[in-house]
Amino acid sequence: MAKNKFHDGPGPSQRQLRVGEVIRRTLSEVLARGDVHDPDLNRLSITVGEVRTSPDLKIATAFVLPLGGKGQEDVLQLLARNKSELRRIVGKKLGLKFTPDLRFRLDETFDRLDETRRMFDQDAVRRDLDE
């Protein structure tokens, strides 16, 4: 198999980033407008923080979080239940040969952000930063 001479390194390629961002925007729009035929899913406000795609673009993992952070497991179940409809909508928007399989995970970025803020508020860390 030929090596990609434009991408050396462990991070995602430009194509992966671009496809992931289009999927993220599409999922955000669909969930905000309530285009899915599931009333349980349409009544929730869901934030799509990031979408990561595999190098071959066959799998897209969407990191989601319900507004307020409550009912996280319910949101994952509802999204999994409506995965085929969401995939069809994303496929129309993408225009790729193959539409990636959608997987949903909880977005823990906000939890890590709170932990980072808490660490920076510690006296020992402040003292080290001021030096």
C-alpha atoms as a PDB file:
ATOM      1  CA  MET A   1       0.000   0.000   0.000  1.00  0.00           C
ATOM      2  CA  ALA A   2       1.316   3.448  -0.866  1.00  0.00           C
ATOM      3  CA  LYS A   3       2.341   5.743   1.945  1.00  0.00           C
ATOM      4  CA  ASN A   4       0.690   9.125   2.190  1.00  0.00           C
ATOM      5  CA  LYS A   5       3.587  11.464   1.486  1.00  0.00           C
ATOM      6  CA  PHE A   6       1.598  14.531   2.549  1.00  0.00           C
ATOM      7  CA  HIS A   7       0.848  13.312   6.061  1.00  0.00           C
ATOM      8  CA  ASP A   8       3.541  12.160   8.453  1.00  0.00           C
ATOM      9  CA  GLY A   9       2.668  11.880  12.111  1.00  0.00           C
ATOM     10  CA  PRO A  10       0.214  10.514  14.604  1.00  0.00           C
ATOM     11  CA  GLY A  11      -2.434  13.222  14.194  1.00  0.00           C
ATOM     12  CA  PRO A  12      -5.412  13.257  11.850  1.00  0.00           C
ATOM     13  CA  SER A  13      -4.994  14.274   8.221  1.00  0.00           C
ATOM     14  CA  GLN A  14      -6.556  17.414   6.772  1.00  0.00           C
ATOM     15  CA  ARG A  15      -9.172  15.268   5.045  1.00  0.00           C
ATOM     16  CA  GLN A  16     -10.140  13.570   8.320  1.00  0.00           C
ATOM     17  CA  LEU A  17     -10.465  16.967  10.002  1.00  0.00           C
ATOM     18  CA  ARG A  18     -12.510  18.409   7.145  1.00  0.00           C
ATOM     19  CA  VAL A  19     -14.897  15.435   6.940  1.00  0.00           C
ATOM     20  CA  GLY A  20     -15.244  15.372  10.732  1.00  0.00           C
ATOM     21  CA  GLU A  21     -16.168  19.044  10.808  1.00  0.00           C
ATOM     22  CA  VAL A  22     -18.793  18.638   8.067  1.00  0.00           C
ATOM     23  CA  ILE A  23     -20.320  15.713   9.981  1.00  0.00           C
ATOM     24  CA  ARG A  24     -20.273  17.738  13.223  1.00  0.00           C
ATOM     25  CA  ARG A  25     -22.051  20.690  11.616  1.00  0.00           C
ATOM     26  CA  THR A  26     -24.590  18.441   9.908  1.00  0.00           C
ATOM     27  CA  LEU A  27     -25.405  16.542  13.108  1.00  0.00           C
ATOM     28  CA  SER A  28     -25.683  19.817  15.046  1.00  0.00           C
ATOM     29  CA  GLU A  29     -28.099  21.276  12.500  1.00  0.00           C
ATOM     30  CA  VAL A  30     -30.214  18.120  12.304  1.00  0.00           C
ATOM     31  CA  LEU A  31     -30.481  17.776  16.079  1.00  0.00           C
ATOM     32  CA  ALA A  32     -31.197  21.501  16.576  1.00  0.00           C
ATOM     33  CA  ARG A  33     -33.939  21.578  13.933  1.00  0.00           C
ATOM     34  CA  GLY A  34     -35.475  18.278  15.019  1.00  0.00           C
ATOM     35  CA  ASP A  35     -35.295  16.648  11.577  1.00  0.00           C
ATOM     36  CA  VAL A  36     -35.250  13.138  13.060  1.00  0.00           C
ATOM     37  CA  HIS A  37     -38.557  11.277  13.223  1.00  0.00           C
ATOM     38  CA  ASP A  38     -38.155  10.481  16.925  1.00  0.00           C
ATOM     39  CA  PRO A  39     -40.076  12.786  19.289  1.00  0.00           C
ATOM     40  CA  ASP A  40     -37.971  11.649  22.269  1.00  0.00           C
ATOM     41  CA  LEU A  41     -34.784  12.801  20.526  1.00  0.00           C
ATOM     42  CA  ASN A  42     -36.320  16.000  19.174  1.00  0.00           C
ATOM     43  CA  ARG A  43     -37.283  17.290  22.622  1.00  0.00           C
ATOM     44  CA  LEU A  44     -33.643  17.246  23.798  1.00  0.00           C
ATOM     45  CA  SER A  45     -30.952  19.846  23.194  1.00  0.00           C
ATOM     46  CA  ILE A  46     -27.735  18.039  22.321  1.00  0.00           C
ATOM     47  CA  THR A  47     -24.319  19.589  21.794  1.00  0.00           C
ATOM     48  CA  VAL A  48     -22.017  17.925  19.277  1.00  0.00           C
ATOM     49  CA  GLY A  49     -18.570  18.978  20.437  1.00  0.00           C
ATOM     50  CA  GLU A  50     -16.341  17.088  18.038  1.00  0.00           C
ATOM     51  CA  VAL A  51     -16.384  14.335  15.438  1.00  0.00           C
ATOM     52  CA  ARG A  52     -13.299  12.192  14.890  1.00  0.00           C
ATOM     53  CA  THR A  53     -13.011   9.993  11.827  1.00  0.00           C
ATOM     54  CA  SER A  54     -10.883   6.917  11.291  1.00  0.00           C
ATOM     55  CA  PRO A  55      -8.037   7.235   8.743  1.00  0.00           C
ATOM     56  CA  ASP A  56     -10.068   5.348   6.121  1.00  0.00           C
ATOM     57  CA  LEU A  57     -13.170   7.517   6.861  1.00  0.00           C
ATOM     58  CA  LYS A  58     -15.289   4.411   7.510  1.00  0.00           C
ATOM     59  CA  ILE A  59     -16.049   5.265  11.154  1.00  0.00           C
ATOM     60  CA  ALA A  60     -17.010   8.635  12.627  1.00  0.00           C
ATOM     61  CA  THR A  61     -17.171   9.029  16.398  1.00  0.00           C
ATOM     62  CA  ALA A  62     -19.318  11.963  17.530  1.00  0.00           C
ATOM     63  CA  PHE A  63     -18.702  13.330  21.012  1.00  0.00           C
ATOM     64  CA  VAL A  64     -22.041  14.592  22.327  1.00  0.00           C
ATOM     65  CA  LEU A  65     -23.399  16.065  25.526  1.00  0.00           C
ATOM     66  CA  PRO A  66     -27.003  16.901  26.428  1.00  0.00           C
ATOM     67  CA  LEU A  67     -27.658  20.472  27.486  1.00  0.00           C
ATOM     68  CA  GLY A  68     -27.181  20.676  31.228  1.00  0.00           C
ATOM     69  CA  GLY A  69     -25.398  17.309  31.302  1.00  0.00           C
ATOM     70  CA  LYS A  70     -28.449  15.432  32.579  1.00  0.00           C
ATOM     71  CA  GLY A  71     -29.686  12.195  31.010  1.00  0.00           C
ATOM     72  CA  GLN A  72     -26.413  11.339  29.316  1.00  0.00           C
ATOM     73  CA  GLU A  73     -27.073   7.605  29.007  1.00  0.00           C
ATOM     74  CA  ASP A  74     -30.563   8.253  27.620  1.00  0.00           C
ATOM     75  CA  VAL A  75     -29.101  10.523  24.939  1.00  0.00           C
ATOM     76  CA  LEU A  76     -26.602   7.873  23.858  1.00  0.00           C
ATOM     77  CA  GLN A  77     -29.399   5.283  23.611  1.00  0.00           C
ATOM     78  CA  LEU A  78     -31.636   7.631  21.602  1.00  0.00           C
ATOM     79  CA  LEU A  79     -28.822   8.519  19.207  1.00  0.00           C
ATOM     80  CA  ALA A  80     -27.905   4.847  18.763  1.00  0.00           C
ATOM     81  CA  ARG A  81     -31.554   4.030  18.091  1.00  0.00           C
ATOM     82  CA  ASN A  82     -31.719   6.707  15.355  1.00  0.00           C
ATOM     83  CA  LYS A  83     -28.228   6.062  13.971  1.00  0.00           C
ATOM     84  CA  SER A  84     -29.401   4.839  10.563  1.00  0.00           C
ATOM     85  CA  GLU A  85     -31.542   7.913   9.920  1.00  0.00           C
ATOM     86  CA  LEU A  86     -28.754  10.244  11.056  1.00  0.00           C
ATOM     87  CA  ARG A  87     -26.276   8.377   8.856  1.00  0.00           C
ATOM     88  CA  ARG A  88     -28.562   8.742   5.836  1.00  0.00           C
ATOM     89  CA  ILE A  89     -28.875  12.499   6.406  1.00  0.00           C
ATOM     90  CA  VAL A  90     -25.118  12.883   6.863  1.00  0.00           C
ATOM     91  CA  GLY A  91     -24.486  10.817   3.724  1.00  0.00           C
ATOM     92  CA  LYS A  92     -26.576  13.166   1.612  1.00  0.00           C
ATOM     93  CA  LYS A  93     -24.613  16.156   2.906  1.00  0.00           C
ATOM     94  CA  LEU A  94     -21.140  14.600   2.595  1.00  0.00           C
ATOM     95  CA  GLY A  95     -21.209  13.291  -0.944  1.00  0.00           C
ATOM     96  CA  LEU A  96     -18.534  10.673  -0.252  1.00  0.00           C
ATOM     97  CA  LYS A  97     -18.451   7.252  -1.869  1.00  0.00           C
ATOM     98  CA  PHE A  98     -19.097   5.622   1.519  1.00  0.00           C
ATOM     99  CA  THR A  99     -20.923   7.200   4.430  1.00  0.00           C
ATOM    100  CA  PRO A 100     -19.064   6.639   7.711  1.00  0.00           C
ATOM    101  CA  ASP A 101     -20.626   4.472  10.395  1.00  0.00           C
ATOM    102  CA  LEU A 102     -21.687   6.800  13.205  1.00  0.00           C
ATOM    103  CA  ARG A 103     -20.747   6.089  16.794  1.00  0.00           C
ATOM    104  CA  PHE A 104     -21.659   8.258  19.752  1.00  0.00           C
ATOM    105  CA  ARG A 105     -19.632   8.894  22.904  1.00  0.00           C
ATOM    106  CA  LEU A 106     -20.064  11.290  25.803  1.00  0.00           C
ATOM    107  CA  ASP A 107     -18.014  14.467  25.480  1.00  0.00           C
ATOM    108  CA  GLU A 108     -15.867  14.766  28.587  1.00  0.00           C
ATOM    109  CA  THR A 109     -14.073  17.938  27.478  1.00  0.00           C
ATOM    110  CA  PHE A 110     -16.080  20.149  29.793  1.00  0.00           C
ATOM    111  CA  ASP A 111     -15.284  17.929  32.790  1.00  0.00           C
ATOM    112  CA  ARG A 112     -11.574  18.138  31.995  1.00  0.00           C
ATOM    113  CA  LEU A 113     -11.857  21.914  31.625  1.00  0.00           C
ATOM    114  CA  ASP A 114     -13.366  22.208  35.106  1.00  0.00           C
ATOM    115  CA  GLU A 115     -10.574  20.044  36.526  1.00  0.00           C
ATOM    116  CA  THR A 116      -7.943  22.228  34.835  1.00  0.00           C
ATOM    117  CA  ARG A 117      -9.505  25.382  36.269  1.00  0.00           C
ATOM    118  CA  ARG A 118      -9.551  23.799  39.720  1.00  0.00           C
ATOM    119  CA  MET A 119      -5.858  22.945  39.429  1.00  0.00           C
ATOM    120  CA  PHE A 120      -4.942  26.498  38.379  1.00  0.00           C
ATOM    121  CA  ASP A 121      -6.807  27.862  41.411  1.00  0.00           C
ATOM    122  CA  GLN A 122      -4.570  25.951  43.836  1.00  0.00           C
ATOM    123  CA  ASP A 123      -2.126  28.137  45.776  1.00  0.00           C
ATOM    124  CA  ALA A 124       0.914  25.988  44.938  1.00  0.00           C
ATOM    125  CA  VAL A 125       0.216  26.195  41.209  1.00  0.00           C
ATOM    126  CA  ARG A 126      -0.410  29.951  41.350  1.00  0.00           C
ATOM    127  CA  ARG A 127       2.864  30.440  43.202  1.00  0.00           C
ATOM    128  CA  ASP A 128       4.730  28.438  40.517  1.00  0.00           C
ATOM    129  CA  LEU A 129       3.111  30.419  37.710  1.00  0.00           C
ATOM    130  CA  ASP A 130       3.968  33.787  39.264  1.00  0.00           C
ATOM    131  CA  GLU A 131       7.693  33.010  39.475  1.00  0.00           C
END
